[in-house]
PDB file of N, CA and C in Angstrom:
ATOM      1  N   VAL A   1    -139.198-307.744  20.885  1.00  0.00           N
ATOM      2  CA  VAL A   1    -138.625-308.718  20.928  1.00  0.00           C
ATOM      3  C   VAL A   1    -137.273-309.357  20.036  1.00  0.00           C
ATOM      4  N   LEU A   2    -136.633-309.623  21.220  1.00  0.00           N
ATOM      5  CA  LEU A   2    -135.233-309.732  21.015  1.00  0.00           C
ATOM      6  C   LEU A   2    -134.652-310.974  20.822  1.00  0.00           C
ATOM      7  N   GLY A   3    -135.412-312.233  20.518  1.00  0.00           N
ATOM      8  CA  GLY A   3    -135.273-313.158  19.728  1.00  0.00           C
ATOM      9  C   GLY A   3    -136.117-314.282  19.995  1.00  0.00           C
ATOM     10  N   SER A   4    -136.104-315.361  19.153  1.00  0.00           N
ATOM     11  CA  SER A   4    -136.979-316.689  19.404  1.00  0.00           C
ATOM     12  C   SER A   4    -136.308-317.564  18.736  1.00  0.00           C
ATOM     13  N   ALA A   5    -137.325-318.518  19.319  1.00  0.00           N
ATOM     14  CA  ALA A   5    -136.496-320.005  18.685  1.00  0.00           C
ATOM     15  C   ALA A   5    -137.491-320.888  18.838  1.00  0.00           C
ATOM     16  N   PHE A   6    -137.567-321.623  18.294  1.00  0.00           N
ATOM     17  CA  PHE A   6    -138.898-322.943  17.653  1.00  0.00           C
ATOM     18  C   PHE A   6    -137.698-323.744  17.313  1.00  0.00           C
ATOM     19  N   ASP A   7    -138.527-325.313  17.187  1.00  0.00           N
ATOM     20  CA  ASP A   7    -138.209-326.683  16.610  1.00  0.00           C
ATOM     21  C   ASP A   7    -139.783-326.777  15.467  1.00  0.00           C
ATOM     22  N   PRO A   8    -139.736-326.722  14.122  1.00  0.00           N
ATOM     23  CA  PRO A   8    -140.353-327.395  13.093  1.00  0.00           C
ATOM     24  C   PRO A   8    -140.586-328.823  13.285  1.00  0.00           C
ATOM     25  N   GLU A   9    -140.008-329.348  13.511  1.00  0.00           N
ATOM     26  CA  GLU A   9    -140.465-330.906  13.624  1.00  0.00           C
ATOM     27  C   GLU A   9    -140.820-330.769  15.392  1.00  0.00           C
ATOM     28  N   LEU A  10    -141.417-330.411  16.159  1.00  0.00           N
ATOM     29  CA  LEU A  10    -142.286-330.641  17.070  1.00  0.00           C
ATOM     30  C   LEU A  10    -143.273-330.178  17.090  1.00  0.00           C
ATOM     31  N   GLY A  11    -144.602-330.657  17.736  1.00  0.00           N
ATOM     32  CA  GLY A  11    -146.021-330.653  17.461  1.00  0.00           C
ATOM     33  C   GLY A  11    -146.453-331.356  18.662  1.00  0.00           C
ATOM     34  N   GLY A  12    -148.112-331.061  18.470  1.00  0.00           N
ATOM     35  CA  GLY A  12    -148.756-331.653  19.123  1.00  0.00           C
ATOM     36  C   GLY A  12    -148.827-333.264  19.046  1.00  0.00           C
ATOM     37  N   LYS A  13    -148.547-334.214  18.283  1.00  0.00           N
ATOM     38  CA  LYS A  13    -148.395-335.354  18.327  1.00  0.00           C
ATOM     39  C   LYS A  13    -147.175-336.189  19.277  1.00  0.00           C
ATOM     40  N   ASP A  14    -146.181-334.961  19.521  1.00  0.00           N
ATOM     41  CA  ASP A  14    -144.893-334.947  20.013  1.00  0.00           C
ATOM     42  C   ASP A  14    -145.415-335.340  21.628  1.00  0.00           C
ATOM     43  N   PHE A  15    -146.431-334.290  21.847  1.00  0.00           N
ATOM     44  CA  PHE A  15    -147.412-334.289  23.694  1.00  0.00           C
ATOM     45  C   PHE A  15    -147.953-335.213  23.554  1.00  0.00           C
ATOM     46  N   ASP A  16    -148.447-335.723  22.786  1.00  0.00           N
ATOM     47  CA  ASP A  16    -149.787-337.146  22.649  1.00  0.00           C
ATOM     48  C   ASP A  16    -148.847-338.337  23.142  1.00  0.00           C
ATOM     49  N   GLU A  17    -147.605-338.327  22.330  1.00  0.00           N
ATOM     50  CA  GLU A  17    -146.773-339.612  22.758  1.00  0.00           C
ATOM     51  C   GLU A  17    -145.936-339.394  23.873  1.00  0.00           C
ATOM     52  N   VAL A  18    -146.213-338.252  24.526  1.00  0.00           N
ATOM     53  CA  VAL A  18    -145.728-338.254  26.256  1.00  0.00           C
ATOM     54  C   VAL A  18    -146.731-338.549  26.907  1.00  0.00           C
ATOM     55  N   LEU A  19    -147.589-338.075  26.458  1.00  0.00           N
ATOM     56  CA  LEU A  19    -149.161-338.359  27.441  1.00  0.00           C
ATOM     57  C   LEU A  19    -149.523-340.056  27.711  1.00  0.00           C
ATOM     58  N   VAL A  20    -149.220-340.180  26.014  1.00  0.00           N
ATOM     59  CA  VAL A  20    -149.644-342.043  26.314  1.00  0.00           C
ATOM     60  C   VAL A  20    -148.581-342.138  27.116  1.00  0.00           C
ATOM     61  N   LYS A  21    -147.445-342.334  26.603  1.00  0.00           N
ATOM     62  CA  LYS A  21    -145.986-343.028  27.736  1.00  0.00           C
ATOM     63  C   LYS A  21    -146.281-343.159  28.915  1.00  0.00           C
ATOM     64  N   TYR A  22    -146.566-341.529  29.429  1.00  0.00           N
ATOM     65  CA  TYR A  22    -147.255-341.393  30.989  1.00  0.00           C
ATOM     66  C   TYR A  22    -147.908-342.176  31.355  1.00  0.00           C
ATOM     67  N   PHE A  23    -149.526-342.571  30.339  1.00  0.00           N
ATOM     68  CA  PHE A  23    -150.436-343.371  30.951  1.00  0.00           C
ATOM     69  C   PHE A  23    -150.043-344.967  30.939  1.00  0.00           C
ATOM     70  N   CYS A  24    -149.081-345.144  30.072  1.00  0.00           N
ATOM     71  CA  CYS A  24    -149.189-346.718  29.868  1.00  0.00           C
ATOM     72  C   CYS A  24    -148.502-346.807  31.094  1.00  0.00           C
ATOM     73  N   GLU A  25    -147.511-346.127  31.617  1.00  0.00           N
ATOM     74  CA  GLU A  25    -146.720-346.431  32.436  1.00  0.00           C
ATOM     75  C   GLU A  25    -147.400-346.815  33.884  1.00  0.00           C
ATOM     76  N   GLU A  26    -148.502-345.710  34.198  1.00  0.00           N
ATOM     77  CA  GLU A  26    -149.021-345.647  35.418  1.00  0.00           C
ATOM     78  C   GLU A  26    -149.614-347.103  35.066  1.00  0.00           C
ATOM     79  N   PHE A  27    -151.007-347.409  33.978  1.00  0.00           N
ATOM     80  CA  PHE A  27    -151.296-348.451  34.208  1.00  0.00           C
ATOM     81  C   PHE A  27    -150.901-349.660  34.614  1.00  0.00           C
ATOM     82  N   ALA A  28    -149.673-349.675  34.051  1.00  0.00           N
ATOM     83  CA  ALA A  28    -148.967-351.214  34.175  1.00  0.00           C
ATOM     84  C   ALA A  28    -148.570-351.024  35.503  1.00  0.00           C
ATOM     85  N   LYS A  29    -148.385-350.131  35.915  1.00  0.00           N
ATOM     86  CA  LYS A  29    -148.321-349.961  38.034  1.00  0.00           C
ATOM     87  C   LYS A  29    -149.882-350.338  38.811  1.00  0.00           C
ATOM     88  N   LYS A  30    -150.662-349.463  38.154  1.00  0.00           N
ATOM     89  CA  LYS A  30    -151.858-349.411  38.779  1.00  0.00           C
ATOM     90  C   LYS A  30    -152.880-350.569  39.071  1.00  0.00           C
ATOM     91  N   TYR A  31    -152.595-350.809  37.596  1.00  0.00           N
ATOM     92  CA  TYR A  31    -153.518-351.982  36.838  1.00  0.00           C
ATOM     93  C   TYR A  31    -152.886-353.457  36.324  1.00  0.00           C
ATOM     94  N   LYS A  32    -151.759-353.553  36.612  1.00  0.00           N
ATOM     95  CA  LYS A  32    -150.937-354.477  35.574  1.00  0.00           C
ATOM     96  C   LYS A  32    -151.595-354.513  34.740  1.00  0.00           C
ATOM     97  N   LEU A  33    -151.348-353.352  33.397  1.00  0.00           N
ATOM     98  CA  LEU A  33    -152.177-353.700  32.316  1.00  0.00           C
ATOM     99  C   LEU A  33    -150.965-353.135  31.218  1.00  0.00           C
ATOM    100  N   ASP A  34    -150.908-354.447  30.155  1.00  0.00           N
ATOM    101  CA  ASP A  34    -149.916-354.067  29.054  1.00  0.00           C
ATOM    102  C   ASP A  34    -150.721-353.408  27.978  1.00  0.00           C
ATOM    103  N   VAL A  35    -150.884-351.726  27.999  1.00  0.00           N
ATOM    104  CA  VAL A  35    -151.310-351.060  27.046  1.00  0.00           C
ATOM    105  C   VAL A  35    -150.922-351.376  25.181  1.00  0.00           C
ATOM    106  N   ARG A  36    -149.336-351.467  25.220  1.00  0.00           N
ATOM    107  CA  ARG A  36    -149.132-351.111  24.103  1.00  0.00           C
ATOM    108  C   ARG A  36    -149.227-352.697  23.284  1.00  0.00           C
ATOM    109  N   SER A  37    -150.141-353.548  24.373  1.00  0.00           N
ATOM    110  CA  SER A  37    -149.879-355.134  23.345  1.00  0.00           C
ATOM    111  C   SER A  37    -151.640-354.639  22.824  1.00  0.00           C
ATOM    112  N   LYS A  38    -152.345-354.204  22.909  1.00  0.00           N
ATOM    113  CA  LYS A  38    -153.341-354.236  22.136  1.00  0.00           C
ATOM    114  C   LYS A  38    -153.757-353.128  22.105  1.00  0.00           C
ATOM    115  N   PRO A  39    -153.498-353.181  19.973  1.00  0.00           N
ATOM    116  CA  PRO A  39    -153.848-352.088  19.267  1.00  0.00           C
ATOM    117  C   PRO A  39    -154.999-351.246  19.484  1.00  0.00           C
ATOM    118  N   ARG A  40    -156.124-352.218  20.007  1.00  0.00           N
ATOM    119  CA  ARG A  40    -157.680-351.076  19.593  1.00  0.00           C
ATOM    120  C   ARG A  40    -157.665-350.479  21.476  1.00  0.00           C
ATOM    121  N   ALA A  41    -157.037-351.102  22.190  1.00  0.00           N
ATOM    122  CA  ALA A  41    -156.766-350.139  23.791  1.00  0.00           C
ATOM    123  C   ALA A  41    -155.882-348.942  23.609  1.00  0.00           C
ATOM    124  N   LEU A  42    -154.440-349.083  22.812  1.00  0.00           N
ATOM    125  CA  LEU A  42    -153.546-347.850  22.356  1.00  0.00           C
ATOM    126  C   LEU A  42    -154.206-347.094  21.588  1.00  0.00           C
ATOM    127  N   VAL A  43    -155.098-347.294  20.609  1.00  0.00           N
ATOM    128  CA  VAL A  43    -155.466-346.523  19.785  1.00  0.00           C
ATOM    129  C   VAL A  43    -156.775-345.545  20.718  1.00  0.00           C
ATOM    130  N   ARG A  44    -157.470-346.055  21.789  1.00  0.00           N
ATOM    131  CA  ARG A  44    -158.734-345.451  22.363  1.00  0.00           C
ATOM    132  C   ARG A  44    -157.255-344.344  23.693  1.00  0.00           C
ATOM    133  N   LEU A  45    -156.843-344.947  23.925  1.00  0.00           N
ATOM    134  CA  LEU A  45    -155.934-344.172  24.697  1.00  0.00           C
ATOM    135  C   LEU A  45    -155.263-342.933  24.132  1.00  0.00           C
ATOM    136  N   TYR A  46    -154.790-343.065  22.808  1.00  0.00           N
ATOM    137  CA  TYR A  46    -153.965-341.754  21.835  1.00  0.00           C
ATOM    138  C   TYR A  46    -155.681-341.042  21.827  1.00  0.00           C
ATOM    139  N   GLN A  47    -155.996-340.934  21.519  1.00  0.00           N
ATOM    140  CA  GLN A  47    -157.687-340.427  21.626  1.00  0.00           C
ATOM    141  C   GLN A  47    -157.679-339.907  23.212  1.00  0.00           C
ATOM    142  N   GLU A  48    -158.195-340.413  24.108  1.00  0.00           N
ATOM    143  CA  GLU A  48    -158.237-340.122  25.204  1.00  0.00           C
ATOM    144  C   GLU A  48    -156.827-338.701  25.549  1.00  0.00           C
ATOM    145  N   CYS A  49    -155.940-338.899  25.482  1.00  0.00           N
ATOM    146  CA  CYS A  49    -154.615-338.555  25.893  1.00  0.00           C
ATOM    147  C   CYS A  49    -154.969-337.311  24.929  1.00  0.00           C
ATOM    148  N   GLU A  50    -155.429-337.351  24.063  1.00  0.00           N
ATOM    149  CA  GLU A  50    -155.499-335.766  22.881  1.00  0.00           C
ATOM    150  C   GLU A  50    -156.154-335.241  23.426  1.00  0.00           C
ATOM    151  N   LYS A  51    -157.913-335.946  23.696  1.00  0.00           N
ATOM    152  CA  LYS A  51    -158.448-334.960  24.412  1.00  0.00           C
ATOM    153  C   LYS A  51    -158.260-334.007  25.866  1.00  0.00           C
ATOM    154  N   LEU A  52    -157.373-334.633  26.437  1.00  0.00           N
ATOM    155  CA  LEU A  52    -156.751-334.192  27.423  1.00  0.00           C
ATOM    156  C   LEU A  52    -155.569-333.401  27.334  1.00  0.00           C
ATOM    157  N   LYS A  53    -155.063-333.591  26.045  1.00  0.00           N
ATOM    158  CA  LYS A  53    -153.780-332.466  26.205  1.00  0.00           C
ATOM    159  C   LYS A  53    -154.853-331.254  25.679  1.00  0.00           C
ATOM    160  N   LYS A  54    -155.784-331.128  24.858  1.00  0.00           N
ATOM    161  CA  LYS A  54    -156.563-330.159  24.543  1.00  0.00           C
ATOM    162  C   LYS A  54    -157.388-329.013  25.831  1.00  0.00           C
ATOM    163  N   LEU A  55    -157.290-329.896  26.871  1.00  0.00           N
ATOM    164  CA  LEU A  55    -157.901-329.514  28.097  1.00  0.00           C
ATOM    165  C   LEU A  55    -157.269-328.924  29.217  1.00  0.00           C
ATOM    166  N   MET A  56    -155.450-329.380  29.074  1.00  0.00           N
ATOM    167  CA  MET A  56    -154.961-328.810  29.218  1.00  0.00           C
ATOM    168  C   MET A  56    -154.253-327.565  28.905  1.00  0.00           C
ATOM    169  N   SER A  57    -154.767-327.375  27.853  1.00  0.00           N
ATOM    170  CA  SER A  57    -154.280-325.637  27.168  1.00  0.00           C
ATOM    171  C   SER A  57    -154.981-324.603  27.699  1.00  0.00           C
ATOM    172  N   ALA A  58    -156.279-324.891  28.210  1.00  0.00           N
ATOM    173  CA  ALA A  58    -157.324-324.608  29.067  1.00  0.00           C
ATOM    174  C   ALA A  58    -157.438-323.889  30.408  1.00  0.00           C
ATOM    175  N   ASN A  59    -157.265-324.976  31.139  1.00  0.00           N
ATOM    176  CA  ASN A  59    -157.301-325.741  32.572  1.00  0.00           C
ATOM    177  C   ASN A  59    -155.910-325.782  33.148  1.00  0.00           C
ATOM    178  N   SER A  60    -155.434-325.197  34.388  1.00  0.00           N
ATOM    179  CA  SER A  60    -153.894-325.766  34.776  1.00  0.00           C
ATOM    180  C   SER A  60    -154.298-326.470  36.396  1.00  0.00           C
ATOM    181  N   SER A  61    -155.231-326.660  36.791  1.00  0.00           N
ATOM    182  CA  SER A  61    -155.113-327.520  37.520  1.00  0.00           C
ATOM    183  C   SER A  61    -155.369-329.037  37.696  1.00  0.00           C
ATOM    184  N   ASP A  62    -155.202-330.232  38.342  1.00  0.00           N
ATOM    185  CA  ASP A  62    -155.307-331.235  38.217  1.00  0.00           C
ATOM    186  C   ASP A  62    -156.531-331.951  37.117  1.00  0.00           C
ATOM    187  N   LEU A  63    -156.140-333.014  35.792  1.00  0.00           N
ATOM    188  CA  LEU A  63    -156.646-333.054  35.233  1.00  0.00           C
ATOM    189  C   LEU A  63    -157.350-334.856  35.227  1.00  0.00           C
ATOM    190  N   PRO A  64    -158.444-335.422  35.139  1.00  0.00           N
ATOM    191  CA  PRO A  64    -158.840-336.115  35.239  1.00  0.00           C
ATOM    192  C   PRO A  64    -158.639-337.029  33.803  1.00  0.00           C
ATOM    193  N   LEU A  65    -158.075-338.612  33.984  1.00  0.00           N
ATOM    194  CA  LEU A  65    -158.555-339.360  33.138  1.00  0.00           C
ATOM    195  C   LEU A  65    -158.981-340.514  33.132  1.00  0.00           C
ATOM    196  N   ASN A  66    -160.520-340.797  32.572  1.00  0.00           N
ATOM    197  CA  ASN A  66    -161.359-342.238  33.287  1.00  0.00           C
ATOM    198  C   ASN A  66    -161.666-342.687  31.584  1.00  0.00           C
ATOM    199  N   ILE A  67    -161.836-343.837  31.948  1.00  0.00           N
ATOM    200  CA  ILE A  67    -161.582-344.864  30.409  1.00  0.00           C
ATOM    201  C   ILE A  67    -162.214-345.928  30.955  1.00  0.00           C
ATOM    202  N   GLU A  68    -164.208-345.955  30.647  1.00  0.00           N
ATOM    203  CA  GLU A  68    -164.812-347.286  30.933  1.00  0.00           C
ATOM    204  C   GLU A  68    -164.200-348.323  29.935  1.00  0.00           C
ATOM    205  N   CYS A  69    -164.120-349.505  30.829  1.00  0.00           N
ATOM    206  CA  CYS A  69    -164.478-350.959  29.755  1.00  0.00           C
ATOM    207  C   CYS A  69    -162.965-350.366  28.831  1.00  0.00           C
ATOM    208  N   PHE A  70    -161.915-350.285  29.546  1.00  0.00           N
ATOM    209  CA  PHE A  70    -160.593-349.999  28.731  1.00  0.00           C
ATOM    210  C   PHE A  70    -160.046-351.462  27.375  1.00  0.00           C
ATOM    211  N   MET A  71    -159.149-352.276  28.873  1.00  0.00           N
ATOM    212  CA  MET A  71    -158.899-353.491  28.417  1.00  0.00           C
ATOM    213  C   MET A  71    -159.496-354.709  29.791  1.00  0.00           C
ATOM    214  N   ASN A  72    -159.739-355.494  29.063  1.00  0.00           N
ATOM    215  CA  ASN A  72    -160.865-357.281  29.626  1.00  0.00           C
ATOM    216  C   ASN A  72    -161.673-356.555  30.466  1.00  0.00           C
ATOM    217  N   ASP A  73    -162.421-355.638  30.140  1.00  0.00           N
ATOM    218  CA  ASP A  73    -163.319-355.123  30.872  1.00  0.00           C
ATOM    219  C   ASP A  73    -162.616-354.385  31.964  1.00  0.00           C
ATOM    220  N   ILE A  74    -161.833-354.079  31.891  1.00  0.00           N
ATOM    221  CA  ILE A  74    -161.551-353.090  32.920  1.00  0.00           C
ATOM    222  C   ILE A  74    -161.287-351.307  33.459  1.00  0.00           C
ATOM    223  N   ASP A  75    -162.138-350.734  34.090  1.00  0.00           N
ATOM    224  CA  ASP A  75    -162.162-349.455  33.997  1.00  0.00           C
ATOM    225  C   ASP A  75    -161.407-348.802  34.685  1.00  0.00           C
ATOM    226  N   VAL A  76    -160.389-347.473  33.465  1.00  0.00           N
ATOM    227  CA  VAL A  76    -158.866-347.036  34.238  1.00  0.00           C
ATOM    228  C   VAL A  76    -159.172-345.707  34.576  1.00  0.00           C
ATOM    229  N   SER A  77    -158.497-345.053  35.467  1.00  0.00           N
ATOM    230  CA  SER A  77    -158.386-343.321  35.905  1.00  0.00           C
ATOM    231  C   SER A  77    -157.262-343.439  36.062  1.00  0.00           C
ATOM    232  N   GLY A  78    -156.291-341.985  35.966  1.00  0.00           N
ATOM    233  CA  GLY A  78    -155.661-341.529  36.465  1.00  0.00           C
ATOM    234  C   GLY A  78    -156.009-339.811  36.190  1.00  0.00           C
ATOM    235  N   THR A  79    -154.575-339.671  36.510  1.00  0.00           N
ATOM    236  CA  THR A  79    -154.753-337.714  36.455  1.00  0.00           C
ATOM    237  C   THR A  79    -153.450-337.165  36.205  1.00  0.00           C
ATOM    238  N   LEU A  80    -153.298-336.234  35.452  1.00  0.00           N
ATOM    239  CA  LEU A  80    -152.443-335.479  35.297  1.00  0.00           C
ATOM    240  C   LEU A  80    -152.706-333.955  36.036  1.00  0.00           C
ATOM    241  N   ASN A  81    -151.122-334.015  36.272  1.00  0.00           N
ATOM    242  CA  ASN A  81    -150.892-333.210  37.955  1.00  0.00           C
ATOM    243  C   ASN A  81    -150.105-331.610  36.935  1.00  0.00           C
TER     244      ASN A  81
END
């Protein structure tokens, strides 16, 4: 090893934030939902994004995100490429 670098402030929560932001924008376009306006929905999205993050470490294919009765009894879905 000739060298290495790391950021001690960067961690799994940062990846969760990126995933949540991505799906908030996708659901706003696709379903006209403002996820950040409902704390319960936002917490649920964080939980699902954490599961998706763990799947990403094992799989390289397209990963689906499906949440039933997410907001206003609307089922949402998205894909992470």
